[in-house]
């Protein structure tokens, strides 16, 4: 079946808890059309793919990126893979939604910037778009605070205190080489919010 060109035709890379419970339903509710879901093991992809209505579920990311029917890729994998997958998707001329963080180190960030610039230069008009999934700015409480603060014209000063709870030291998010640690992997949401 031909996909309608006026809406996102999605390829998902990753099908963990956040992807399956939050992002896939959010993209579906927004009218995105699901095409392919790719996971390392394949089982999550098949389970969540069937439930959400993906046309294909596989472990072949190369095929997903080569598929011209797919115009948008969501990357919801471990943090250390984000920059590499974003680079590959941009160079395949796909729009990209990547969960935070965009990269866990400067070399990853530099690679993304180079690929983004190259994709923009190669496009005839309006190259692929890249968005990072910072979501705290959209929470209902923050939206309400912004409305209330908008009436105050003077400069504002903010102090933000967070209690993110304990995570076991052996969890992948705590490994700087995989998850980037809690500042890069989690506090980035709040840095984005304060900015």
N, C-alpha and C. Protein backbone atom coordinates (compact mmCIF):
# COMPACT_ATOMS: atom_id res chain seq x y z
N UNK A 1 0.84 -1.19 0.00
CA UNK A 1 0.00 0.00 0.00
C UNK A 1 0.88 1.25 0.00
N UNK A 2 0.46 2.26 -0.76
CA UNK A 2 1.19 3.54 -0.79
C UNK A 2 0.88 4.31 0.47
N UNK A 3 1.90 4.99 0.99
CA UNK A 3 1.71 5.80 2.19
C UNK A 3 1.43 7.24 1.78
N UNK A 4 0.54 7.88 2.52
CA UNK A 4 0.21 9.28 2.24
C UNK A 4 1.44 10.14 2.49
N UNK A 5 1.89 10.93 1.51
CA UNK A 5 3.12 11.70 1.68
C UNK A 5 2.99 12.87 2.65
N UNK A 6 1.78 13.29 2.95
CA UNK A 6 1.62 14.47 3.80
C UNK A 6 1.75 14.18 5.28
N UNK A 7 1.93 12.96 5.66
CA UNK A 7 2.11 12.68 7.08
C UNK A 7 3.33 11.78 7.29
N UNK A 8 3.85 11.77 8.52
CA UNK A 8 5.04 10.96 8.79
C UNK A 8 4.76 9.48 8.58
N UNK A 9 5.65 8.84 7.88
CA UNK A 9 5.64 7.38 7.74
C UNK A 9 6.83 6.91 8.55
N UNK A 10 6.55 6.25 9.67
CA UNK A 10 7.53 6.02 10.72
C UNK A 10 8.25 4.69 10.63
N UNK A 11 9.54 4.80 10.93
CA UNK A 11 10.34 3.64 11.26
C UNK A 11 10.82 3.85 12.68
N UNK A 12 10.57 2.89 13.55
CA UNK A 12 11.01 2.98 14.95
C UNK A 12 12.22 2.11 15.14
N UNK A 13 13.24 2.65 15.80
CA UNK A 13 14.40 1.87 16.18
C UNK A 13 14.39 1.80 17.70
N UNK A 14 14.03 0.64 18.22
CA UNK A 14 13.89 0.45 19.66
C UNK A 14 12.43 0.28 20.04
N UNK A 15 12.19 -0.61 20.99
CA UNK A 15 10.82 -0.86 21.45
C UNK A 15 10.80 -1.18 22.93
N UNK A 16 11.58 -0.44 23.70
CA UNK A 16 11.60 -0.65 25.14
C UNK A 16 10.37 -0.07 25.81
N UNK A 17 10.41 0.03 27.13
CA UNK A 17 9.25 0.51 27.89
C UNK A 17 8.77 1.88 27.46
N UNK A 18 9.70 2.84 27.38
CA UNK A 18 9.29 4.21 27.05
C UNK A 18 8.73 4.29 25.63
N UNK A 19 9.36 3.59 24.71
CA UNK A 19 8.86 3.58 23.33
C UNK A 19 7.46 2.99 23.27
N UNK A 20 7.28 1.83 23.90
CA UNK A 20 6.00 1.13 23.77
C UNK A 20 4.88 1.77 24.59
N UNK A 21 5.21 2.34 25.75
CA UNK A 21 4.16 2.90 26.61
C UNK A 21 3.85 4.35 26.33
N UNK A 22 4.85 5.11 25.82
CA UNK A 22 4.65 6.55 25.66
C UNK A 22 4.74 6.99 24.20
N UNK A 23 5.88 6.73 23.57
CA UNK A 23 6.11 7.31 22.24
C UNK A 23 5.26 6.71 21.13
N UNK A 24 5.18 5.40 21.06
CA UNK A 24 4.37 4.79 20.00
C UNK A 24 2.92 5.26 20.10
N UNK A 25 2.29 5.23 21.29
CA UNK A 25 0.92 5.76 21.38
C UNK A 25 0.83 7.25 21.03
N UNK A 26 1.84 8.05 21.40
CA UNK A 26 1.81 9.48 21.09
C UNK A 26 1.91 9.72 19.59
N UNK A 27 2.80 9.03 18.92
CA UNK A 27 2.91 9.17 17.46
C UNK A 27 1.64 8.69 16.77
N UNK A 28 1.08 7.61 17.27
CA UNK A 28 -0.16 7.08 16.69
C UNK A 28 -1.29 8.09 16.83
N UNK A 29 -1.41 8.68 18.02
CA UNK A 29 -2.47 9.67 18.28
C UNK A 29 -2.30 10.91 17.42
N UNK A 30 -1.06 11.20 17.02
CA UNK A 30 -0.83 12.40 16.21
C UNK A 30 -1.06 12.15 14.71
N UNK A 31 -1.36 10.91 14.34
CA UNK A 31 -1.67 10.60 12.96
C UNK A 31 -0.52 10.03 12.15
N UNK A 32 0.59 9.72 12.80
CA UNK A 32 1.71 9.11 12.07
C UNK A 32 1.30 7.73 11.57
N UNK A 33 1.86 7.36 10.44
CA UNK A 33 1.62 6.04 9.87
C UNK A 33 2.82 5.16 10.20
N UNK A 34 2.59 4.00 10.76
CA UNK A 34 3.68 3.12 11.16
C UNK A 34 4.04 2.16 10.04
N UNK A 35 5.33 2.10 9.74
CA UNK A 35 5.79 1.19 8.71
C UNK A 35 6.62 0.05 9.29
N UNK A 36 7.78 0.38 9.89
CA UNK A 36 8.69 -0.65 10.37
C UNK A 36 9.16 -0.36 11.79
N UNK A 37 9.39 -1.43 12.53
CA UNK A 37 9.97 -1.32 13.86
C UNK A 37 11.13 -2.30 13.92
N UNK A 38 12.27 -1.80 14.39
CA UNK A 38 13.49 -2.59 14.44
C UNK A 38 13.97 -2.66 15.88
N UNK A 39 14.28 -3.86 16.32
CA UNK A 39 14.85 -4.07 17.65
C UNK A 39 16.01 -5.06 17.52
N UNK A 40 16.88 -5.07 18.51
CA UNK A 40 18.04 -5.95 18.45
C UNK A 40 17.64 -7.42 18.55
N UNK A 41 16.68 -7.72 19.40
CA UNK A 41 16.28 -9.11 19.59
C UNK A 41 15.13 -9.55 18.70
N UNK A 42 14.33 -8.61 18.27
CA UNK A 42 13.22 -8.94 17.39
C UNK A 42 11.91 -9.22 18.12
N UNK A 43 11.95 -9.78 19.32
CA UNK A 43 10.73 -10.17 20.01
C UNK A 43 9.90 -8.95 20.38
N UNK A 44 10.52 -7.94 21.03
CA UNK A 44 9.78 -6.72 21.37
C UNK A 44 9.21 -6.06 20.13
N UNK A 45 9.99 -6.04 19.07
CA UNK A 45 9.51 -5.43 17.83
C UNK A 45 8.27 -6.09 17.30
N UNK A 46 8.25 -7.42 17.32
CA UNK A 46 7.08 -8.15 16.83
C UNK A 46 5.88 -7.89 17.74
N UNK A 47 6.09 -7.98 19.05
CA UNK A 47 4.98 -7.78 20.00
C UNK A 47 4.40 -6.37 19.87
N UNK A 48 5.26 -5.36 19.99
CA UNK A 48 4.77 -3.98 19.94
C UNK A 48 4.37 -3.58 18.53
N UNK A 49 5.04 -4.14 17.54
CA UNK A 49 4.72 -3.85 16.15
C UNK A 49 3.32 -4.30 15.79
N UNK A 50 2.97 -5.52 16.16
CA UNK A 50 1.63 -6.03 15.87
C UNK A 50 0.57 -5.23 16.61
N UNK A 51 0.83 -4.95 17.89
CA UNK A 51 -0.14 -4.22 18.71
C UNK A 51 -0.41 -2.81 18.17
N UNK A 52 0.65 -2.14 17.70
CA UNK A 52 0.51 -0.75 17.26
C UNK A 52 0.15 -0.64 15.78
N UNK A 53 0.29 -1.72 15.03
CA UNK A 53 -0.08 -1.68 13.62
C UNK A 53 1.07 -1.40 12.66
N UNK A 54 2.30 -1.74 13.04
CA UNK A 54 3.42 -1.61 12.13
C UNK A 54 3.29 -2.65 11.02
N UNK A 55 3.67 -2.29 9.80
CA UNK A 55 3.61 -3.21 8.67
C UNK A 55 4.70 -4.27 8.78
N UNK A 56 5.86 -3.90 9.36
CA UNK A 56 6.98 -4.83 9.44
C UNK A 56 7.66 -4.71 10.80
N UNK A 57 8.21 -5.84 11.26
CA UNK A 57 9.05 -5.87 12.45
C UNK A 57 10.27 -6.70 12.11
N UNK A 58 11.46 -6.16 12.42
CA UNK A 58 12.68 -6.89 12.07
C UNK A 58 13.83 -6.47 12.98
N UNK A 59 15.00 -7.00 12.66
CA UNK A 59 16.23 -6.60 13.34
C UNK A 59 17.17 -5.90 12.36
N UNK A 60 16.69 -5.56 11.18
CA UNK A 60 17.52 -5.02 10.10
C UNK A 60 17.36 -3.50 9.96
N UNK A 61 18.22 -2.76 10.67
CA UNK A 61 18.14 -1.31 10.61
C UNK A 61 18.56 -0.78 9.23
N UNK A 62 19.48 -1.44 8.57
CA UNK A 62 19.92 -1.01 7.24
C UNK A 62 18.75 -1.01 6.27
N UNK A 63 17.93 -2.04 6.32
CA UNK A 63 16.76 -2.11 5.44
C UNK A 63 15.76 -1.00 5.77
N UNK A 64 15.57 -0.73 7.06
CA UNK A 64 14.66 0.35 7.45
C UNK A 64 15.14 1.68 6.86
N UNK A 65 16.43 1.96 7.00
CA UNK A 65 16.96 3.24 6.51
C UNK A 65 16.96 3.32 4.99
N UNK A 66 17.06 2.19 4.32
CA UNK A 66 17.06 2.18 2.85
C UNK A 66 15.65 2.26 2.26
N UNK A 67 14.64 2.01 3.08
CA UNK A 67 13.26 1.98 2.59
C UNK A 67 12.77 3.39 2.29
N UNK A 68 12.50 3.67 1.03
CA UNK A 68 12.09 5.02 0.62
C UNK A 68 10.67 5.36 1.05
N UNK A 69 9.89 4.37 1.45
CA UNK A 69 8.53 4.66 1.94
C UNK A 69 8.57 5.31 3.31
N UNK A 70 9.65 5.09 4.06
CA UNK A 70 9.79 5.64 5.40
C UNK A 70 10.45 7.01 5.31
N UNK A 71 9.77 8.04 5.83
CA UNK A 71 10.35 9.39 5.78
C UNK A 71 10.78 9.91 7.14
N UNK A 72 10.42 9.20 8.21
CA UNK A 72 10.72 9.66 9.56
C UNK A 72 11.15 8.47 10.42
N UNK A 73 12.20 8.69 11.21
CA UNK A 73 12.71 7.63 12.07
C UNK A 73 12.69 8.12 13.52
N UNK A 74 12.19 7.27 14.41
CA UNK A 74 12.25 7.53 15.85
C UNK A 74 13.31 6.62 16.43
N UNK A 75 14.24 7.21 17.16
CA UNK A 75 15.34 6.45 17.76
C UNK A 75 15.13 6.43 19.26
N UNK A 76 14.83 5.25 19.78
CA UNK A 76 14.53 5.07 21.20
C UNK A 76 15.32 3.87 21.70
N UNK A 77 16.62 4.06 21.77
CA UNK A 77 17.54 2.99 22.13
C UNK A 77 18.41 3.47 23.28
N UNK A 78 19.40 2.67 23.66
CA UNK A 78 20.31 3.10 24.72
C UNK A 78 21.08 4.34 24.27
N UNK A 79 21.41 5.16 25.23
CA UNK A 79 21.99 6.47 24.96
C UNK A 79 23.25 6.44 24.11
N UNK A 80 24.08 5.44 24.29
CA UNK A 80 25.34 5.40 23.54
C UNK A 80 25.15 5.12 22.05
N UNK A 81 23.95 4.73 21.64
CA UNK A 81 23.68 4.48 20.22
C UNK A 81 23.05 5.68 19.52
N UNK A 82 22.57 6.64 20.27
CA UNK A 82 21.79 7.73 19.68
C UNK A 82 22.54 8.47 18.57
N UNK A 83 23.73 8.97 18.87
CA UNK A 83 24.45 9.78 17.88
C UNK A 83 24.71 8.97 16.60
N UNK A 84 25.15 7.73 16.75
CA UNK A 84 25.45 6.90 15.57
C UNK A 84 24.20 6.66 14.73
N UNK A 85 23.08 6.35 15.37
CA UNK A 85 21.84 6.10 14.63
C UNK A 85 21.29 7.38 14.00
N UNK A 86 21.42 8.51 14.70
CA UNK A 86 20.98 9.79 14.14
C UNK A 86 21.77 10.10 12.88
N UNK A 87 23.09 9.93 12.94
CA UNK A 87 23.94 10.17 11.77
C UNK A 87 23.48 9.31 10.59
N UNK A 88 23.27 8.03 10.84
CA UNK A 88 22.84 7.12 9.76
C UNK A 88 21.49 7.54 9.17
N UNK A 89 20.56 7.92 10.03
CA UNK A 89 19.23 8.31 9.56
C UNK A 89 19.28 9.62 8.77
N UNK A 90 20.04 10.60 9.26
CA UNK A 90 20.16 11.87 8.54
C UNK A 90 20.79 11.66 7.17
N UNK A 91 21.83 10.84 7.12
CA UNK A 91 22.50 10.59 5.84
C UNK A 91 21.63 9.78 4.88
N UNK A 92 20.58 9.12 5.42
CA UNK A 92 19.59 8.43 4.59
C UNK A 92 18.42 9.35 4.26
N UNK A 93 18.56 10.64 4.57
CA UNK A 93 17.54 11.68 4.28
C UNK A 93 16.22 11.46 5.01
N UNK A 94 16.29 10.94 6.23
CA UNK A 94 15.09 10.74 7.04
C UNK A 94 14.98 11.86 8.06
N UNK A 95 13.75 12.29 8.34
CA UNK A 95 13.51 13.14 9.49
C UNK A 95 13.77 12.28 10.72
N UNK A 96 14.26 12.90 11.81
CA UNK A 96 14.65 12.10 12.98
C UNK A 96 14.06 12.69 14.25
N UNK A 97 13.41 11.82 15.02
CA UNK A 97 13.06 12.11 16.41
C UNK A 97 13.93 11.18 17.22
N UNK A 98 14.77 11.75 18.10
CA UNK A 98 15.63 10.93 18.94
C UNK A 98 15.34 11.25 20.40
N UNK A 99 15.20 10.21 21.19
CA UNK A 99 15.04 10.43 22.62
C UNK A 99 16.31 11.07 23.15
N UNK A 100 16.20 11.81 24.22
CA UNK A 100 17.38 12.43 24.83
C UNK A 100 18.27 11.36 25.43
N UNK A 101 19.54 11.59 25.52
CA UNK A 101 20.30 12.71 24.98
C UNK A 101 20.65 12.47 23.51
N UNK A 102 20.91 13.55 22.81
CA UNK A 102 21.30 13.45 21.41
C UNK A 102 22.61 12.69 21.28
N UNK A 103 23.54 12.95 22.18
CA UNK A 103 24.84 12.28 22.20
C UNK A 103 25.33 12.27 23.63
N UNK A 104 26.25 11.35 23.94
CA UNK A 104 26.78 11.31 25.31
C UNK A 104 28.18 11.88 25.41
N UNK A 105 28.75 12.30 24.27
CA UNK A 105 30.08 12.91 24.31
C UNK A 105 30.23 13.88 23.14
N UNK A 106 31.29 14.65 23.18
CA UNK A 106 31.51 15.69 22.17
C UNK A 106 31.72 15.10 20.78
N UNK A 107 32.40 13.97 20.68
CA UNK A 107 32.64 13.39 19.35
C UNK A 107 31.32 12.95 18.71
N UNK A 108 30.39 12.41 19.51
CA UNK A 108 29.07 12.06 18.99
C UNK A 108 28.31 13.28 18.54
N UNK A 109 28.37 14.33 19.33
CA UNK A 109 27.70 15.58 18.98
C UNK A 109 28.28 16.18 17.70
N UNK A 110 29.61 16.15 17.57
CA UNK A 110 30.26 16.65 16.36
C UNK A 110 29.84 15.84 15.13
N UNK A 111 29.74 14.52 15.27
CA UNK A 111 29.34 13.66 14.16
C UNK A 111 27.91 13.98 13.72
N UNK A 112 27.02 14.22 14.68
CA UNK A 112 25.64 14.57 14.36
C UNK A 112 25.60 15.90 13.62
N UNK A 113 26.35 16.88 14.11
CA UNK A 113 26.37 18.20 13.47
C UNK A 113 26.86 18.10 12.02
N UNK A 114 27.92 17.34 11.80
CA UNK A 114 28.47 17.16 10.46
C UNK A 114 27.45 16.48 9.54
N UNK A 115 26.79 15.43 10.03
CA UNK A 115 25.78 14.73 9.23
C UNK A 115 24.58 15.62 8.96
N UNK A 116 24.16 16.39 9.94
CA UNK A 116 23.02 17.30 9.75
C UNK A 116 23.35 18.33 8.67
N UNK A 117 24.53 18.94 8.78
CA UNK A 117 24.93 19.93 7.78
C UNK A 117 25.02 19.31 6.39
N UNK A 118 25.55 18.10 6.30
CA UNK A 118 25.67 17.41 5.01
C UNK A 118 24.29 17.09 4.44
N UNK A 119 23.37 16.65 5.28
CA UNK A 119 22.02 16.32 4.83
C UNK A 119 21.29 17.57 4.35
N UNK A 120 21.50 18.69 5.03
CA UNK A 120 20.87 19.94 4.61
C UNK A 120 21.46 20.40 3.27
N UNK A 121 22.76 20.29 3.11
CA UNK A 121 23.43 20.72 1.88
C UNK A 121 23.01 19.84 0.70
N UNK A 122 22.76 18.56 0.94
CA UNK A 122 22.41 17.63 -0.13
C UNK A 122 20.95 17.76 -0.56
N UNK A 123 20.11 18.32 0.29
CA UNK A 123 18.68 18.41 0.00
C UNK A 123 18.41 19.52 -0.99
N UNK A 124 17.49 19.26 -1.90
CA UNK A 124 17.10 20.28 -2.86
C UNK A 124 16.35 21.41 -2.18
N UNK A 125 15.50 21.05 -1.25
CA UNK A 125 14.79 22.05 -0.45
C UNK A 125 14.47 21.46 0.91
N UNK A 126 14.70 22.24 1.95
CA UNK A 126 14.36 21.81 3.31
C UNK A 126 14.78 20.39 3.63
N UNK A 127 15.99 20.19 4.03
CA UNK A 127 16.49 18.86 4.35
C UNK A 127 15.81 18.25 5.55
N UNK A 128 16.27 17.08 5.95
CA UNK A 128 15.63 16.38 7.07
C UNK A 128 15.71 17.18 8.36
N UNK A 129 14.65 17.07 9.13
CA UNK A 129 14.56 17.75 10.41
C UNK A 129 15.01 16.81 11.52
N UNK A 130 15.56 17.39 12.57
CA UNK A 130 16.04 16.63 13.72
C UNK A 130 15.45 17.24 14.98
N UNK A 131 14.82 16.41 15.79
CA UNK A 131 14.28 16.88 17.06
C UNK A 131 14.68 15.91 18.16
N UNK A 132 15.07 16.47 19.31
CA UNK A 132 15.43 15.68 20.47
C UNK A 132 14.23 15.66 21.42
N UNK A 133 13.94 14.50 21.98
CA UNK A 133 12.75 14.31 22.78
C UNK A 133 12.80 14.89 24.18
N UNK A 134 13.12 16.17 24.29
CA UNK A 134 13.00 16.84 25.59
C UNK A 134 11.51 17.07 25.83
N UNK A 135 10.98 16.52 26.90
CA UNK A 135 9.53 16.59 27.08
C UNK A 135 9.06 17.37 28.29
N UNK A 136 9.95 17.75 29.19
CA UNK A 136 9.49 18.41 30.42
C UNK A 136 8.82 19.74 30.13
N UNK A 137 9.25 20.43 29.10
CA UNK A 137 8.66 21.73 28.78
C UNK A 137 7.18 21.62 28.39
N UNK A 138 6.73 20.41 28.06
CA UNK A 138 5.35 20.21 27.62
C UNK A 138 4.44 19.67 28.72
N UNK A 139 4.98 19.42 29.90
CA UNK A 139 4.14 18.87 30.96
C UNK A 139 3.07 19.89 31.35
N UNK A 140 1.89 19.43 31.73
CA UNK A 140 0.80 20.35 32.07
C UNK A 140 1.18 21.34 33.17
N UNK A 141 1.92 20.89 34.18
CA UNK A 141 2.29 21.79 35.27
C UNK A 141 3.22 22.90 34.76
N UNK A 142 4.16 22.55 33.91
CA UNK A 142 5.08 23.55 33.36
C UNK A 142 4.32 24.52 32.46
N UNK A 143 3.41 24.03 31.66
CA UNK A 143 2.62 24.91 30.81
C UNK A 143 1.84 25.91 31.65
N UNK A 144 1.27 25.45 32.75
CA UNK A 144 0.52 26.34 33.65
C UNK A 144 1.45 27.37 34.28
N UNK A 145 2.65 26.93 34.71
CA UNK A 145 3.61 27.87 35.30
C UNK A 145 4.02 28.93 34.29
N UNK A 146 4.22 28.54 33.04
CA UNK A 146 4.61 29.50 32.00
C UNK A 146 3.53 30.56 31.80
N UNK A 147 2.28 30.12 31.81
CA UNK A 147 1.17 31.07 31.67
C UNK A 147 1.17 32.05 32.83
N UNK A 148 1.32 31.54 34.05
CA UNK A 148 1.31 32.40 35.22
C UNK A 148 2.51 33.35 35.25
N UNK A 149 3.67 32.86 34.83
CA UNK A 149 4.88 33.69 34.83
C UNK A 149 4.90 34.71 33.69
N UNK A 150 4.14 34.46 32.64
CA UNK A 150 4.14 35.37 31.49
C UNK A 150 3.65 36.76 31.87
N UNK A 151 2.86 36.87 32.92
CA UNK A 151 2.34 38.17 33.34
C UNK A 151 3.40 39.00 34.07
N UNK A 152 4.47 38.35 34.53
CA UNK A 152 5.54 39.05 35.24
C UNK A 152 6.58 39.50 34.22
N UNK A 153 6.72 40.80 34.05
CA UNK A 153 7.61 41.33 33.02
C UNK A 153 9.04 41.51 33.49
N UNK A 154 9.27 41.52 34.78
CA UNK A 154 10.62 41.70 35.31
C UNK A 154 11.44 40.43 35.07
N UNK A 155 12.77 40.55 35.12
CA UNK A 155 13.62 39.35 35.02
C UNK A 155 13.27 38.36 36.13
N UNK A 156 13.42 37.09 35.81
CA UNK A 156 13.06 36.04 36.76
C UNK A 156 14.30 35.22 37.09
N UNK A 157 14.31 34.68 38.29
CA UNK A 157 15.38 33.79 38.73
C UNK A 157 14.73 32.50 39.17
N UNK A 158 15.29 31.36 38.73
CA UNK A 158 14.70 30.07 39.05
C UNK A 158 15.69 29.18 39.78
N UNK A 159 15.19 28.43 40.72
CA UNK A 159 15.95 27.38 41.37
C UNK A 159 15.15 26.10 41.18
N UNK A 160 15.79 25.08 40.65
CA UNK A 160 15.10 23.82 40.41
C UNK A 160 15.74 22.72 41.26
N UNK A 161 14.93 22.04 42.02
CA UNK A 161 15.39 20.92 42.83
C UNK A 161 14.69 19.67 42.34
N UNK A 162 15.46 18.61 42.14
CA UNK A 162 14.90 17.36 41.64
C UNK A 162 15.21 16.22 42.59
N UNK A 163 14.30 15.29 42.66
CA UNK A 163 14.54 14.04 43.36
C UNK A 163 14.16 12.94 42.39
N UNK A 164 15.15 12.44 41.66
CA UNK A 164 14.90 11.45 40.61
C UNK A 164 14.87 10.03 41.14
N UNK A 165 15.14 9.84 42.40
CA UNK A 165 15.12 8.49 42.95
C UNK A 165 16.41 7.74 42.68
N UNK A 166 16.60 6.68 43.41
CA UNK A 166 17.84 5.90 43.30
C UNK A 166 17.76 4.95 42.11
N UNK A 167 18.88 4.79 41.45
CA UNK A 167 19.03 3.79 40.39
C UNK A 167 20.22 2.93 40.78
N UNK A 168 20.09 1.62 40.68
CA UNK A 168 21.22 0.76 41.05
C UNK A 168 22.49 1.12 40.27
N UNK A 169 23.61 1.05 40.93
CA UNK A 169 24.89 1.43 40.31
C UNK A 169 25.19 0.61 39.07
N UNK A 170 24.68 -0.62 39.00
CA UNK A 170 24.96 -1.47 37.84
C UNK A 170 23.99 -1.26 36.66
N UNK A 171 23.00 -0.40 36.81
CA UNK A 171 22.04 -0.12 35.72
C UNK A 171 22.76 0.58 34.58
N UNK A 172 22.39 0.28 33.34
CA UNK A 172 23.09 0.81 32.17
C UNK A 172 23.12 2.34 32.13
N UNK A 173 22.11 3.00 32.66
CA UNK A 173 22.10 4.46 32.63
C UNK A 173 23.20 5.07 33.49
N UNK A 174 23.68 4.30 34.47
CA UNK A 174 24.74 4.78 35.36
C UNK A 174 26.13 4.61 34.77
N UNK A 175 26.25 3.82 33.72
CA UNK A 175 27.52 3.58 33.06
C UNK A 175 27.79 4.74 32.11
N UNK A 176 28.82 5.53 32.39
CA UNK A 176 29.11 6.71 31.56
C UNK A 176 29.30 6.38 30.09
N UNK A 177 29.84 5.20 29.78
CA UNK A 177 30.10 4.84 28.40
C UNK A 177 28.84 4.40 27.66
N UNK A 178 27.80 4.01 28.39
CA UNK A 178 26.56 3.52 27.76
C UNK A 178 25.41 4.51 27.95
N UNK A 179 25.20 4.93 29.19
CA UNK A 179 24.08 5.81 29.49
C UNK A 179 24.46 7.27 29.63
N UNK A 180 25.74 7.54 29.76
CA UNK A 180 26.19 8.92 29.91
C UNK A 180 26.14 9.43 31.33
N UNK A 181 25.61 8.63 32.26
CA UNK A 181 25.46 9.09 33.64
C UNK A 181 24.18 9.90 33.79
N UNK A 182 23.87 10.29 35.01
CA UNK A 182 22.58 10.92 35.28
C UNK A 182 22.49 12.36 34.79
N UNK A 183 23.60 13.07 34.72
CA UNK A 183 23.51 14.47 34.25
C UNK A 183 23.22 14.48 32.76
N UNK A 184 24.02 13.77 31.98
CA UNK A 184 23.82 13.74 30.53
C UNK A 184 22.55 12.98 30.17
N UNK A 185 22.29 11.87 30.85
CA UNK A 185 21.16 11.02 30.51
C UNK A 185 19.81 11.46 31.04
N UNK A 186 19.77 12.19 32.14
CA UNK A 186 18.49 12.58 32.74
C UNK A 186 18.36 14.07 33.00
N UNK A 187 19.37 14.65 33.66
CA UNK A 187 19.27 16.07 34.02
C UNK A 187 19.20 16.96 32.78
N UNK A 188 19.59 16.41 31.63
CA UNK A 188 19.49 17.19 30.39
C UNK A 188 18.05 17.68 30.17
N UNK A 189 17.06 16.89 30.60
CA UNK A 189 15.65 17.33 30.50
C UNK A 189 15.46 18.65 31.24
N UNK A 190 16.01 18.76 32.41
CA UNK A 190 15.78 19.92 33.26
C UNK A 190 16.64 21.10 32.84
N UNK A 191 17.80 20.83 32.30
CA UNK A 191 18.63 21.90 31.73
C UNK A 191 17.88 22.50 30.56
N UNK A 192 17.32 21.65 29.70
CA UNK A 192 16.50 22.14 28.57
C UNK A 192 15.32 22.94 29.08
N UNK A 193 14.66 22.45 30.11
CA UNK A 193 13.48 23.14 30.67
C UNK A 193 13.87 24.53 31.19
N UNK A 194 14.95 24.63 31.92
CA UNK A 194 15.34 25.92 32.48
C UNK A 194 15.76 26.91 31.38
N UNK A 195 16.37 26.40 30.33
CA UNK A 195 16.76 27.29 29.23
C UNK A 195 15.52 27.85 28.55
